[in-house]
Amino acid sequence: MDDRKKINLIYWINPERSELFFAKKIILVEGQTDKTIIPFLAKKLNVFKNEYTIIDCGSKDNMPLYIKLLNGFKLNYIVVYDRDHQANKDANGINSANISTAGIENVLDARYGTSIVLINDIEEEIGIIERNNKNKPFIALSLVSELNYEIPNQIQNKINTIYG
C-alpha cells in the first residue's frame, strides 16, 4: 500500500469507525443512506444486532482499503455495495462501476468476509422511483418509516443475510 493510501486510511479511521475493532461483525457500506436504512430495516425485521457495527466507507472505491484492514486483523465482515448499473448510466459509467466492483471482490477474503450486492443502489432496493441527490438519507428514511410501507422481499432477504 502506498503512502497516499495509508494516509487516506488513517484519515478515514475516525473515532466512530474505530468501533470496527470491537464489533462481533463489521458491516461496510458505501454511504450515509445505506448506514441509515440498513439498521432501520433490520430493526423492523427484528434481526438487528447491537454487537454488529456499520461503517460508512464514504464510497465504493474506498471499500478495498477497509477490506484489506479487516483481513489483516482477521475480523468478520460483510461488504454491502451497489451494482451501479442504473438505466441512466452510459457504457463508461457501467464500466467504471464494474471496475470498482472488481476492486472489492478481488480483496475479499472468504475466511473473514463476504459481500451483498444491491441491485443498483439502496434507493432502488427500497422502492424509491424519483431520484434526488439531496437529502437521500432523509428521503429514504421517510419512505421506509411510513406505516403502510412493506419491505420488498429482495431487500428483506439481504437484510436477513447481513444480520444473520
N, C-alpha and C. Protein backbone atom coordinates (compact mmCIF):
# COMPACT_ATOMS: atom_id res chain seq x y z
N MET A 1 0.86 -1.17 0.00
CA MET A 1 0.00 0.00 0.00
C MET A 1 0.90 1.24 0.00
N ASP A 2 0.64 2.17 -0.91
CA ASP A 2 1.49 3.36 -0.97
C ASP A 2 1.14 4.34 0.15
N ASP A 3 2.03 5.31 0.38
CA ASP A 3 1.86 6.25 1.49
C ASP A 3 0.57 7.06 1.39
N ARG A 4 0.19 7.44 0.18
CA ARG A 4 -1.04 8.21 -0.01
C ARG A 4 -2.25 7.43 0.49
N LYS A 5 -2.31 6.14 0.17
CA LYS A 5 -3.43 5.30 0.61
C LYS A 5 -3.39 5.09 2.12
N LYS A 6 -2.20 4.96 2.68
CA LYS A 6 -2.09 4.79 4.13
C LYS A 6 -2.60 6.03 4.86
N ILE A 7 -2.21 7.20 4.38
CA ILE A 7 -2.66 8.46 5.00
C ILE A 7 -4.17 8.59 4.85
N ASN A 8 -4.70 8.24 3.68
CA ASN A 8 -6.14 8.28 3.47
C ASN A 8 -6.86 7.36 4.45
N LEU A 9 -6.32 6.17 4.65
CA LEU A 9 -6.92 5.22 5.57
C LEU A 9 -6.88 5.76 7.00
N ILE A 10 -5.78 6.35 7.40
CA ILE A 10 -5.69 6.95 8.74
C ILE A 10 -6.75 8.04 8.89
N TYR A 11 -6.93 8.84 7.86
CA TYR A 11 -7.95 9.89 7.89
C TYR A 11 -9.34 9.31 8.09
N TRP A 12 -9.63 8.19 7.41
CA TRP A 12 -10.96 7.60 7.46
C TRP A 12 -11.23 6.84 8.75
N ILE A 13 -10.20 6.39 9.45
CA ILE A 13 -10.43 5.67 10.71
C ILE A 13 -10.57 6.70 11.82
N ASN A 14 -11.77 7.23 11.92
CA ASN A 14 -12.08 8.22 12.96
C ASN A 14 -12.66 7.50 14.17
N PRO A 15 -12.97 8.21 15.26
CA PRO A 15 -13.48 7.53 16.46
C PRO A 15 -14.71 6.66 16.20
N GLU A 16 -15.62 7.12 15.35
CA GLU A 16 -16.81 6.31 15.05
C GLU A 16 -16.43 5.03 14.31
N ARG A 17 -15.57 5.16 13.33
CA ARG A 17 -15.17 3.99 12.54
C ARG A 17 -14.28 3.04 13.33
N SER A 18 -13.63 3.53 14.37
CA SER A 18 -12.76 2.64 15.14
C SER A 18 -13.55 1.58 15.90
N GLU A 19 -14.88 1.71 15.92
CA GLU A 19 -15.74 0.66 16.51
C GLU A 19 -15.49 -0.69 15.86
N LEU A 20 -15.02 -0.68 14.63
CA LEU A 20 -14.85 -1.94 13.92
C LEU A 20 -13.91 -2.89 14.64
N PHE A 21 -13.01 -2.37 15.46
CA PHE A 21 -12.07 -3.23 16.18
C PHE A 21 -12.72 -3.96 17.35
N PHE A 22 -13.92 -3.54 17.74
CA PHE A 22 -14.57 -4.11 18.92
C PHE A 22 -15.88 -4.82 18.60
N ALA A 23 -16.27 -4.83 17.35
CA ALA A 23 -17.55 -5.41 16.96
C ALA A 23 -17.42 -6.91 16.70
N LYS A 24 -18.53 -7.59 16.89
CA LYS A 24 -18.58 -9.02 16.57
C LYS A 24 -18.52 -9.21 15.05
N LYS A 25 -19.15 -8.27 14.33
CA LYS A 25 -19.15 -8.31 12.87
C LYS A 25 -19.21 -6.88 12.37
N ILE A 26 -18.52 -6.62 11.28
CA ILE A 26 -18.48 -5.28 10.70
C ILE A 26 -19.25 -5.31 9.39
N ILE A 27 -20.12 -4.32 9.23
CA ILE A 27 -20.89 -4.16 8.00
C ILE A 27 -20.36 -2.91 7.31
N LEU A 28 -19.69 -3.10 6.19
CA LEU A 28 -19.17 -1.98 5.42
C LEU A 28 -20.20 -1.56 4.39
N VAL A 29 -20.51 -0.27 4.36
CA VAL A 29 -21.46 0.27 3.38
C VAL A 29 -20.82 1.44 2.66
N GLU A 30 -21.39 1.78 1.53
CA GLU A 30 -20.84 2.86 0.72
C GLU A 30 -21.04 4.24 1.32
N GLY A 31 -22.23 4.49 1.86
CA GLY A 31 -22.51 5.85 2.30
C GLY A 31 -23.57 5.96 3.37
N GLN A 32 -23.96 7.20 3.61
CA GLN A 32 -24.86 7.53 4.71
C GLN A 32 -26.26 6.95 4.53
N THR A 33 -26.77 6.89 3.31
CA THR A 33 -28.11 6.34 3.11
C THR A 33 -28.13 4.87 3.51
N ASP A 34 -27.13 4.12 3.09
CA ASP A 34 -27.05 2.70 3.47
C ASP A 34 -26.92 2.57 4.99
N LYS A 35 -26.09 3.43 5.59
CA LYS A 35 -25.86 3.37 7.03
C LYS A 35 -27.13 3.69 7.81
N THR A 36 -27.99 4.49 7.24
CA THR A 36 -29.25 4.86 7.89
C THR A 36 -30.32 3.78 7.69
N ILE A 37 -30.47 3.31 6.47
CA ILE A 37 -31.58 2.42 6.11
C ILE A 37 -31.37 0.97 6.54
N ILE A 38 -30.19 0.44 6.37
CA ILE A 38 -29.97 -0.98 6.68
C ILE A 38 -30.28 -1.32 8.13
N PRO A 39 -29.74 -0.59 9.12
CA PRO A 39 -30.10 -0.93 10.51
C PRO A 39 -31.57 -0.65 10.83
N PHE A 40 -32.14 0.39 10.20
CA PHE A 40 -33.55 0.69 10.43
C PHE A 40 -34.42 -0.48 9.98
N LEU A 41 -34.15 -0.99 8.78
CA LEU A 41 -34.91 -2.13 8.28
C LEU A 41 -34.65 -3.39 9.11
N ALA A 42 -33.42 -3.56 9.56
CA ALA A 42 -33.09 -4.71 10.42
C ALA A 42 -33.91 -4.67 11.70
N LYS A 43 -34.11 -3.49 12.25
CA LYS A 43 -34.93 -3.35 13.47
C LYS A 43 -36.39 -3.67 13.16
N LYS A 44 -36.88 -3.21 12.01
CA LYS A 44 -38.27 -3.52 11.62
C LYS A 44 -38.46 -5.02 11.43
N LEU A 45 -37.41 -5.70 10.97
CA LEU A 45 -37.49 -7.15 10.73
C LEU A 45 -37.09 -7.98 11.96
N ASN A 46 -36.78 -7.27 13.05
CA ASN A 46 -36.37 -7.92 14.31
C ASN A 46 -35.13 -8.79 14.17
N VAL A 47 -34.17 -8.35 13.36
CA VAL A 47 -32.91 -9.08 13.21
C VAL A 47 -31.69 -8.24 13.58
N PHE A 48 -31.92 -7.00 13.96
CA PHE A 48 -30.82 -6.10 14.31
C PHE A 48 -30.01 -6.65 15.48
N LYS A 49 -28.70 -6.48 15.42
CA LYS A 49 -27.81 -6.92 16.50
C LYS A 49 -26.90 -5.77 16.90
N ASN A 50 -26.96 -5.40 18.18
CA ASN A 50 -26.15 -4.29 18.67
C ASN A 50 -24.65 -4.56 18.60
N GLU A 51 -24.26 -5.82 18.64
CA GLU A 51 -22.84 -6.14 18.62
C GLU A 51 -22.22 -6.06 17.22
N TYR A 52 -23.02 -5.75 16.23
CA TYR A 52 -22.53 -5.51 14.88
C TYR A 52 -22.37 -4.00 14.72
N THR A 53 -21.38 -3.58 13.98
CA THR A 53 -21.22 -2.16 13.70
C THR A 53 -21.28 -1.94 12.20
N ILE A 54 -21.84 -0.80 11.83
CA ILE A 54 -21.97 -0.46 10.42
C ILE A 54 -21.06 0.73 10.15
N ILE A 55 -20.20 0.58 9.16
CA ILE A 55 -19.19 1.58 8.85
C ILE A 55 -19.45 2.17 7.47
N ASP A 56 -19.60 3.49 7.44
CA ASP A 56 -19.76 4.24 6.18
C ASP A 56 -18.36 4.46 5.61
N CYS A 57 -18.06 3.81 4.51
CA CYS A 57 -16.73 3.91 3.89
C CYS A 57 -16.56 5.16 3.04
N GLY A 58 -17.61 5.89 2.80
CA GLY A 58 -17.51 7.12 2.03
C GLY A 58 -17.71 6.95 0.54
N SER A 59 -17.42 5.77 0.03
CA SER A 59 -17.66 5.47 -1.38
C SER A 59 -17.31 4.01 -1.65
N LYS A 60 -17.75 3.54 -2.77
CA LYS A 60 -17.45 2.17 -3.19
C LYS A 60 -15.95 1.98 -3.39
N ASP A 61 -15.30 3.01 -3.90
CA ASP A 61 -13.87 2.91 -4.19
C ASP A 61 -13.00 2.89 -2.93
N ASN A 62 -13.51 3.33 -1.79
CA ASN A 62 -12.77 3.27 -0.53
C ASN A 62 -12.85 1.90 0.13
N MET A 63 -13.81 1.10 -0.25
CA MET A 63 -14.05 -0.18 0.42
C MET A 63 -12.86 -1.13 0.41
N PRO A 64 -12.11 -1.25 -0.69
CA PRO A 64 -10.97 -2.18 -0.66
C PRO A 64 -9.96 -1.87 0.45
N LEU A 65 -9.76 -0.59 0.77
CA LEU A 65 -8.85 -0.25 1.86
C LEU A 65 -9.33 -0.82 3.19
N TYR A 66 -10.62 -0.66 3.45
CA TYR A 66 -11.20 -1.20 4.68
C TYR A 66 -11.12 -2.72 4.70
N ILE A 67 -11.42 -3.33 3.57
CA ILE A 67 -11.39 -4.79 3.49
C ILE A 67 -9.98 -5.31 3.79
N LYS A 68 -8.98 -4.68 3.21
CA LYS A 68 -7.60 -5.09 3.47
C LYS A 68 -7.27 -4.95 4.95
N LEU A 69 -7.72 -3.87 5.57
CA LEU A 69 -7.50 -3.67 7.00
C LEU A 69 -8.16 -4.79 7.80
N LEU A 70 -9.42 -5.08 7.49
CA LEU A 70 -10.16 -6.12 8.21
C LEU A 70 -9.54 -7.50 7.99
N ASN A 71 -9.10 -7.78 6.77
CA ASN A 71 -8.41 -9.04 6.50
C ASN A 71 -7.14 -9.14 7.34
N GLY A 72 -6.40 -8.05 7.41
CA GLY A 72 -5.15 -8.03 8.16
C GLY A 72 -5.35 -8.34 9.64
N PHE A 73 -6.47 -7.87 10.19
CA PHE A 73 -6.78 -8.11 11.60
C PHE A 73 -7.66 -9.34 11.80
N LYS A 74 -7.99 -10.02 10.70
CA LYS A 74 -8.80 -11.24 10.74
C LYS A 74 -10.15 -11.00 11.43
N LEU A 75 -10.80 -9.90 11.03
CA LEU A 75 -12.10 -9.52 11.59
C LEU A 75 -13.21 -9.96 10.65
N ASN A 76 -14.34 -10.37 11.20
CA ASN A 76 -15.50 -10.80 10.41
C ASN A 76 -16.23 -9.59 9.84
N TYR A 77 -16.55 -9.66 8.56
CA TYR A 77 -17.21 -8.53 7.93
C TYR A 77 -18.11 -8.98 6.80
N ILE A 78 -18.98 -8.05 6.42
CA ILE A 78 -19.80 -8.19 5.22
C ILE A 78 -19.76 -6.84 4.52
N VAL A 79 -19.57 -6.86 3.23
CA VAL A 79 -19.48 -5.65 2.43
C VAL A 79 -20.79 -5.51 1.65
N VAL A 80 -21.44 -4.37 1.80
CA VAL A 80 -22.70 -4.11 1.10
C VAL A 80 -22.43 -2.96 0.13
N TYR A 81 -22.52 -3.28 -1.15
CA TYR A 81 -22.25 -2.23 -2.13
C TYR A 81 -23.25 -2.29 -3.28
N ASP A 82 -23.28 -1.21 -4.04
CA ASP A 82 -24.21 -1.06 -5.15
C ASP A 82 -23.61 -1.62 -6.44
N ARG A 83 -24.47 -2.25 -7.22
CA ARG A 83 -24.05 -2.72 -8.55
C ARG A 83 -23.79 -1.52 -9.46
N ASP A 84 -24.59 -0.48 -9.29
CA ASP A 84 -24.43 0.78 -10.04
C ASP A 84 -24.58 0.63 -11.55
N HIS A 85 -25.61 -0.09 -11.95
CA HIS A 85 -25.92 -0.21 -13.39
C HIS A 85 -27.25 0.48 -13.68
N GLN A 86 -27.46 1.65 -13.09
CA GLN A 86 -28.71 2.36 -13.28
C GLN A 86 -28.96 2.63 -14.76
N ALA A 87 -30.24 2.72 -15.11
CA ALA A 87 -30.65 2.90 -16.51
C ALA A 87 -30.07 4.16 -17.14
N ASN A 88 -29.81 5.19 -16.33
CA ASN A 88 -29.31 6.46 -16.88
C ASN A 88 -27.79 6.46 -17.10
N LYS A 89 -27.11 5.37 -16.77
CA LYS A 89 -25.66 5.32 -16.94
C LYS A 89 -25.29 4.87 -18.35
N ASP A 90 -24.25 5.51 -18.88
CA ASP A 90 -23.75 5.10 -20.19
C ASP A 90 -22.74 3.97 -20.01
N ALA A 91 -22.19 3.51 -21.11
CA ALA A 91 -21.25 2.37 -21.08
C ALA A 91 -20.02 2.68 -20.23
N ASN A 92 -19.53 3.93 -20.28
CA ASN A 92 -18.38 4.30 -19.46
C ASN A 92 -18.70 4.24 -17.97
N GLY A 93 -19.89 4.69 -17.60
CA GLY A 93 -20.32 4.65 -16.20
C GLY A 93 -20.46 3.22 -15.69
N ILE A 94 -21.01 2.36 -16.53
CA ILE A 94 -21.16 0.95 -16.15
C ILE A 94 -19.80 0.28 -16.06
N ASN A 95 -18.91 0.59 -17.00
CA ASN A 95 -17.56 0.03 -16.96
C ASN A 95 -16.83 0.47 -15.69
N SER A 96 -16.97 1.73 -15.33
CA SER A 96 -16.35 2.25 -14.11
C SER A 96 -16.91 1.53 -12.87
N ALA A 97 -18.22 1.31 -12.86
CA ALA A 97 -18.85 0.59 -11.75
C ALA A 97 -18.32 -0.84 -11.67
N ASN A 98 -18.14 -1.47 -12.81
CA ASN A 98 -17.61 -2.84 -12.85
C ASN A 98 -16.17 -2.91 -12.34
N ILE A 99 -15.38 -1.90 -12.66
CA ILE A 99 -14.00 -1.85 -12.17
C ILE A 99 -14.00 -1.70 -10.64
N SER A 100 -14.87 -0.84 -10.12
CA SER A 100 -14.98 -0.67 -8.66
C SER A 100 -15.43 -1.95 -7.99
N THR A 101 -16.38 -2.64 -8.60
CA THR A 101 -16.86 -3.91 -8.07
C THR A 101 -15.72 -4.94 -8.04
N ALA A 102 -14.96 -5.02 -9.10
CA ALA A 102 -13.83 -5.96 -9.15
C ALA A 102 -12.81 -5.62 -8.08
N GLY A 103 -12.61 -4.34 -7.83
CA GLY A 103 -11.68 -3.92 -6.77
C GLY A 103 -12.09 -4.43 -5.41
N ILE A 104 -13.39 -4.49 -5.17
CA ILE A 104 -13.91 -5.01 -3.90
C ILE A 104 -13.79 -6.53 -3.87
N GLU A 105 -14.30 -7.17 -4.88
CA GLU A 105 -14.34 -8.64 -4.90
C GLU A 105 -12.94 -9.26 -4.91
N ASN A 106 -11.98 -8.58 -5.50
CA ASN A 106 -10.62 -9.11 -5.58
C ASN A 106 -9.90 -9.12 -4.23
N VAL A 107 -10.33 -8.30 -3.29
CA VAL A 107 -9.64 -8.27 -1.99
C VAL A 107 -10.43 -8.98 -0.88
N LEU A 108 -11.65 -9.41 -1.18
CA LEU A 108 -12.42 -10.16 -0.19
C LEU A 108 -11.69 -11.45 0.17
N ASP A 109 -11.63 -11.74 1.44
CA ASP A 109 -11.05 -13.00 1.91
C ASP A 109 -12.19 -13.80 2.52
N ALA A 110 -12.57 -14.87 1.88
CA ALA A 110 -13.74 -15.67 2.29
C ALA A 110 -13.61 -16.23 3.70
N ARG A 111 -12.42 -16.25 4.26
CA ARG A 111 -12.26 -16.70 5.65
C ARG A 111 -12.87 -15.71 6.63
N TYR A 112 -12.95 -14.43 6.22
CA TYR A 112 -13.41 -13.39 7.14
C TYR A 112 -14.63 -12.63 6.64
N GLY A 113 -14.81 -12.56 5.32
CA GLY A 113 -15.87 -11.71 4.82
C GLY A 113 -16.58 -12.23 3.61
N THR A 114 -17.65 -11.54 3.31
CA THR A 114 -18.47 -11.84 2.14
C THR A 114 -19.07 -10.52 1.65
N SER A 115 -19.85 -10.60 0.59
CA SER A 115 -20.46 -9.38 0.07
C SER A 115 -21.93 -9.60 -0.26
N ILE A 116 -22.64 -8.50 -0.21
CA ILE A 116 -24.04 -8.43 -0.64
C ILE A 116 -24.08 -7.29 -1.66
N VAL A 117 -24.64 -7.58 -2.82
CA VAL A 117 -24.70 -6.57 -3.87
C VAL A 117 -26.14 -6.09 -4.02
N LEU A 118 -26.32 -4.79 -3.87
CA LEU A 118 -27.64 -4.19 -4.08
C LEU A 118 -27.85 -4.05 -5.59
N ILE A 119 -29.09 -4.21 -6.03
CA ILE A 119 -29.40 -4.21 -7.47
C ILE A 119 -28.64 -3.10 -8.19
N ASN A 120 -28.94 -1.90 -7.85
CA ASN A 120 -28.22 -0.74 -8.38
C ASN A 120 -27.81 0.18 -7.25
N ASP A 121 -28.69 0.35 -6.28
CA ASP A 121 -28.40 1.13 -5.07
C ASP A 121 -29.51 0.89 -4.06
N ILE A 122 -29.34 1.38 -2.85
CA ILE A 122 -30.31 1.14 -1.77
C ILE A 122 -31.66 1.77 -2.11
N GLU A 123 -31.62 2.91 -2.80
CA GLU A 123 -32.88 3.57 -3.15
C GLU A 123 -33.74 2.69 -4.04
N GLU A 124 -33.13 2.05 -5.02
CA GLU A 124 -33.88 1.17 -5.90
C GLU A 124 -34.39 -0.05 -5.12
N GLU A 125 -33.58 -0.57 -4.22
CA GLU A 125 -33.97 -1.75 -3.43
C GLU A 125 -35.21 -1.48 -2.58
N ILE A 126 -35.30 -0.27 -2.03
CA ILE A 126 -36.44 0.03 -1.14
C ILE A 126 -37.64 0.61 -1.89
N GLY A 127 -37.46 0.90 -3.18
CA GLY A 127 -38.60 1.33 -3.99
C GLY A 127 -38.70 2.82 -4.26
N ILE A 128 -37.62 3.55 -4.11
CA ILE A 128 -37.65 4.97 -4.47
C ILE A 128 -37.53 5.07 -5.98
N ILE A 129 -38.50 5.75 -6.57
CA ILE A 129 -38.53 5.87 -8.02
C ILE A 129 -37.88 7.17 -8.46
N GLU A 130 -38.28 8.29 -7.85
CA GLU A 130 -37.71 9.58 -8.21
C GLU A 130 -36.37 9.75 -7.53
N ARG A 131 -35.37 10.13 -8.29
CA ARG A 131 -34.02 10.31 -7.77
C ARG A 131 -33.80 11.76 -7.38
N ASN A 132 -33.18 11.94 -6.22
CA ASN A 132 -32.83 13.26 -5.72
C ASN A 132 -31.53 13.10 -4.95
N ASN A 133 -30.48 13.73 -5.40
CA ASN A 133 -29.19 13.58 -4.74
C ASN A 133 -29.06 14.38 -3.45
N LYS A 134 -30.04 15.22 -3.18
CA LYS A 134 -30.02 15.98 -1.93
C LYS A 134 -30.87 15.25 -0.90
N ASN A 135 -30.37 15.19 0.31
CA ASN A 135 -31.12 14.60 1.44
C ASN A 135 -31.52 13.15 1.21
N LYS A 136 -30.68 12.38 0.52
CA LYS A 136 -31.02 10.99 0.24
C LYS A 136 -31.34 10.18 1.50
N PRO A 137 -30.54 10.29 2.57
CA PRO A 137 -30.88 9.50 3.77
C PRO A 137 -32.25 9.87 4.34
N PHE A 138 -32.56 11.16 4.36
CA PHE A 138 -33.85 11.61 4.89
C PHE A 138 -35.01 11.11 4.03
N ILE A 139 -34.87 11.22 2.73
CA ILE A 139 -35.94 10.78 1.82
C ILE A 139 -36.16 9.28 1.96
N ALA A 140 -35.07 8.52 2.01
CA ALA A 140 -35.18 7.06 2.13
C ALA A 140 -35.81 6.68 3.47
N LEU A 141 -35.37 7.33 4.54
CA LEU A 141 -35.92 7.02 5.86
C LEU A 141 -37.39 7.40 5.96
N SER A 142 -37.76 8.50 5.33
CA SER A 142 -39.17 8.91 5.31
C SER A 142 -40.03 7.83 4.65
N LEU A 143 -39.54 7.27 3.55
CA LEU A 143 -40.29 6.24 2.84
C LEU A 143 -40.46 4.99 3.71
N VAL A 144 -39.37 4.46 4.23
CA VAL A 144 -39.44 3.20 4.97
C VAL A 144 -40.09 3.35 6.34
N SER A 145 -40.27 4.59 6.80
CA SER A 145 -40.92 4.85 8.09
C SER A 145 -42.44 4.93 7.97
N GLU A 146 -42.95 5.02 6.76
CA GLU A 146 -44.39 5.12 6.58
C GLU A 146 -45.07 3.87 7.13
N LEU A 147 -46.22 4.04 7.76
CA LEU A 147 -46.93 2.93 8.39
C LEU A 147 -47.29 1.82 7.41
N ASN A 148 -47.64 2.20 6.21
CA ASN A 148 -48.06 1.19 5.23
C ASN A 148 -46.91 0.69 4.34
N TYR A 149 -45.68 1.07 4.67
CA TYR A 149 -44.54 0.62 3.87
C TYR A 149 -44.29 -0.87 4.09
N GLU A 150 -44.25 -1.61 2.99
CA GLU A 150 -43.93 -3.03 3.05
C GLU A 150 -42.53 -3.23 2.49
N ILE A 151 -41.68 -3.84 3.26
CA ILE A 151 -40.30 -4.06 2.84
C ILE A 151 -40.29 -5.09 1.71
N PRO A 152 -39.75 -4.72 0.54
CA PRO A 152 -39.69 -5.68 -0.57
C PRO A 152 -38.90 -6.93 -0.18
N ASN A 153 -39.33 -8.07 -0.71
CA ASN A 153 -38.70 -9.36 -0.38
C ASN A 153 -37.21 -9.37 -0.65
N GLN A 154 -36.79 -8.77 -1.78
CA GLN A 154 -35.37 -8.83 -2.13
C GLN A 154 -34.50 -8.13 -1.09
N ILE A 155 -34.95 -7.00 -0.55
CA ILE A 155 -34.15 -6.32 0.46
C ILE A 155 -34.31 -7.01 1.82
N GLN A 156 -35.48 -7.57 2.08
CA GLN A 156 -35.65 -8.37 3.31
C GLN A 156 -34.62 -9.49 3.38
N ASN A 157 -34.48 -10.22 2.29
CA ASN A 157 -33.52 -11.32 2.24
C ASN A 157 -32.10 -10.84 2.46
N LYS A 158 -31.76 -9.70 1.88
CA LYS A 158 -30.40 -9.16 2.03
C LYS A 158 -30.16 -8.69 3.47
N ILE A 159 -31.15 -8.04 4.07
CA ILE A 159 -31.01 -7.60 5.47
C ILE A 159 -30.85 -8.82 6.37
N ASN A 160 -31.64 -9.85 6.14
CA ASN A 160 -31.52 -11.08 6.95
C ASN A 160 -30.14 -11.71 6.80
N THR A 161 -29.60 -11.68 5.60
CA THR A 161 -28.26 -12.21 5.38
C THR A 161 -27.20 -11.35 6.08
N ILE A 162 -27.34 -10.05 5.98
CA ILE A 162 -26.38 -9.13 6.61
C ILE A 162 -26.33 -9.39 8.12
N TYR A 163 -27.48 -9.51 8.73
CA TYR A 163 -27.53 -9.67 10.19
C TYR A 163 -27.62 -11.12 10.64
N GLY A 164 -27.51 -12.06 9.69
CA GLY A 164 -27.63 -13.48 10.03
C GLY A 164 -26.37 -14.06 10.63
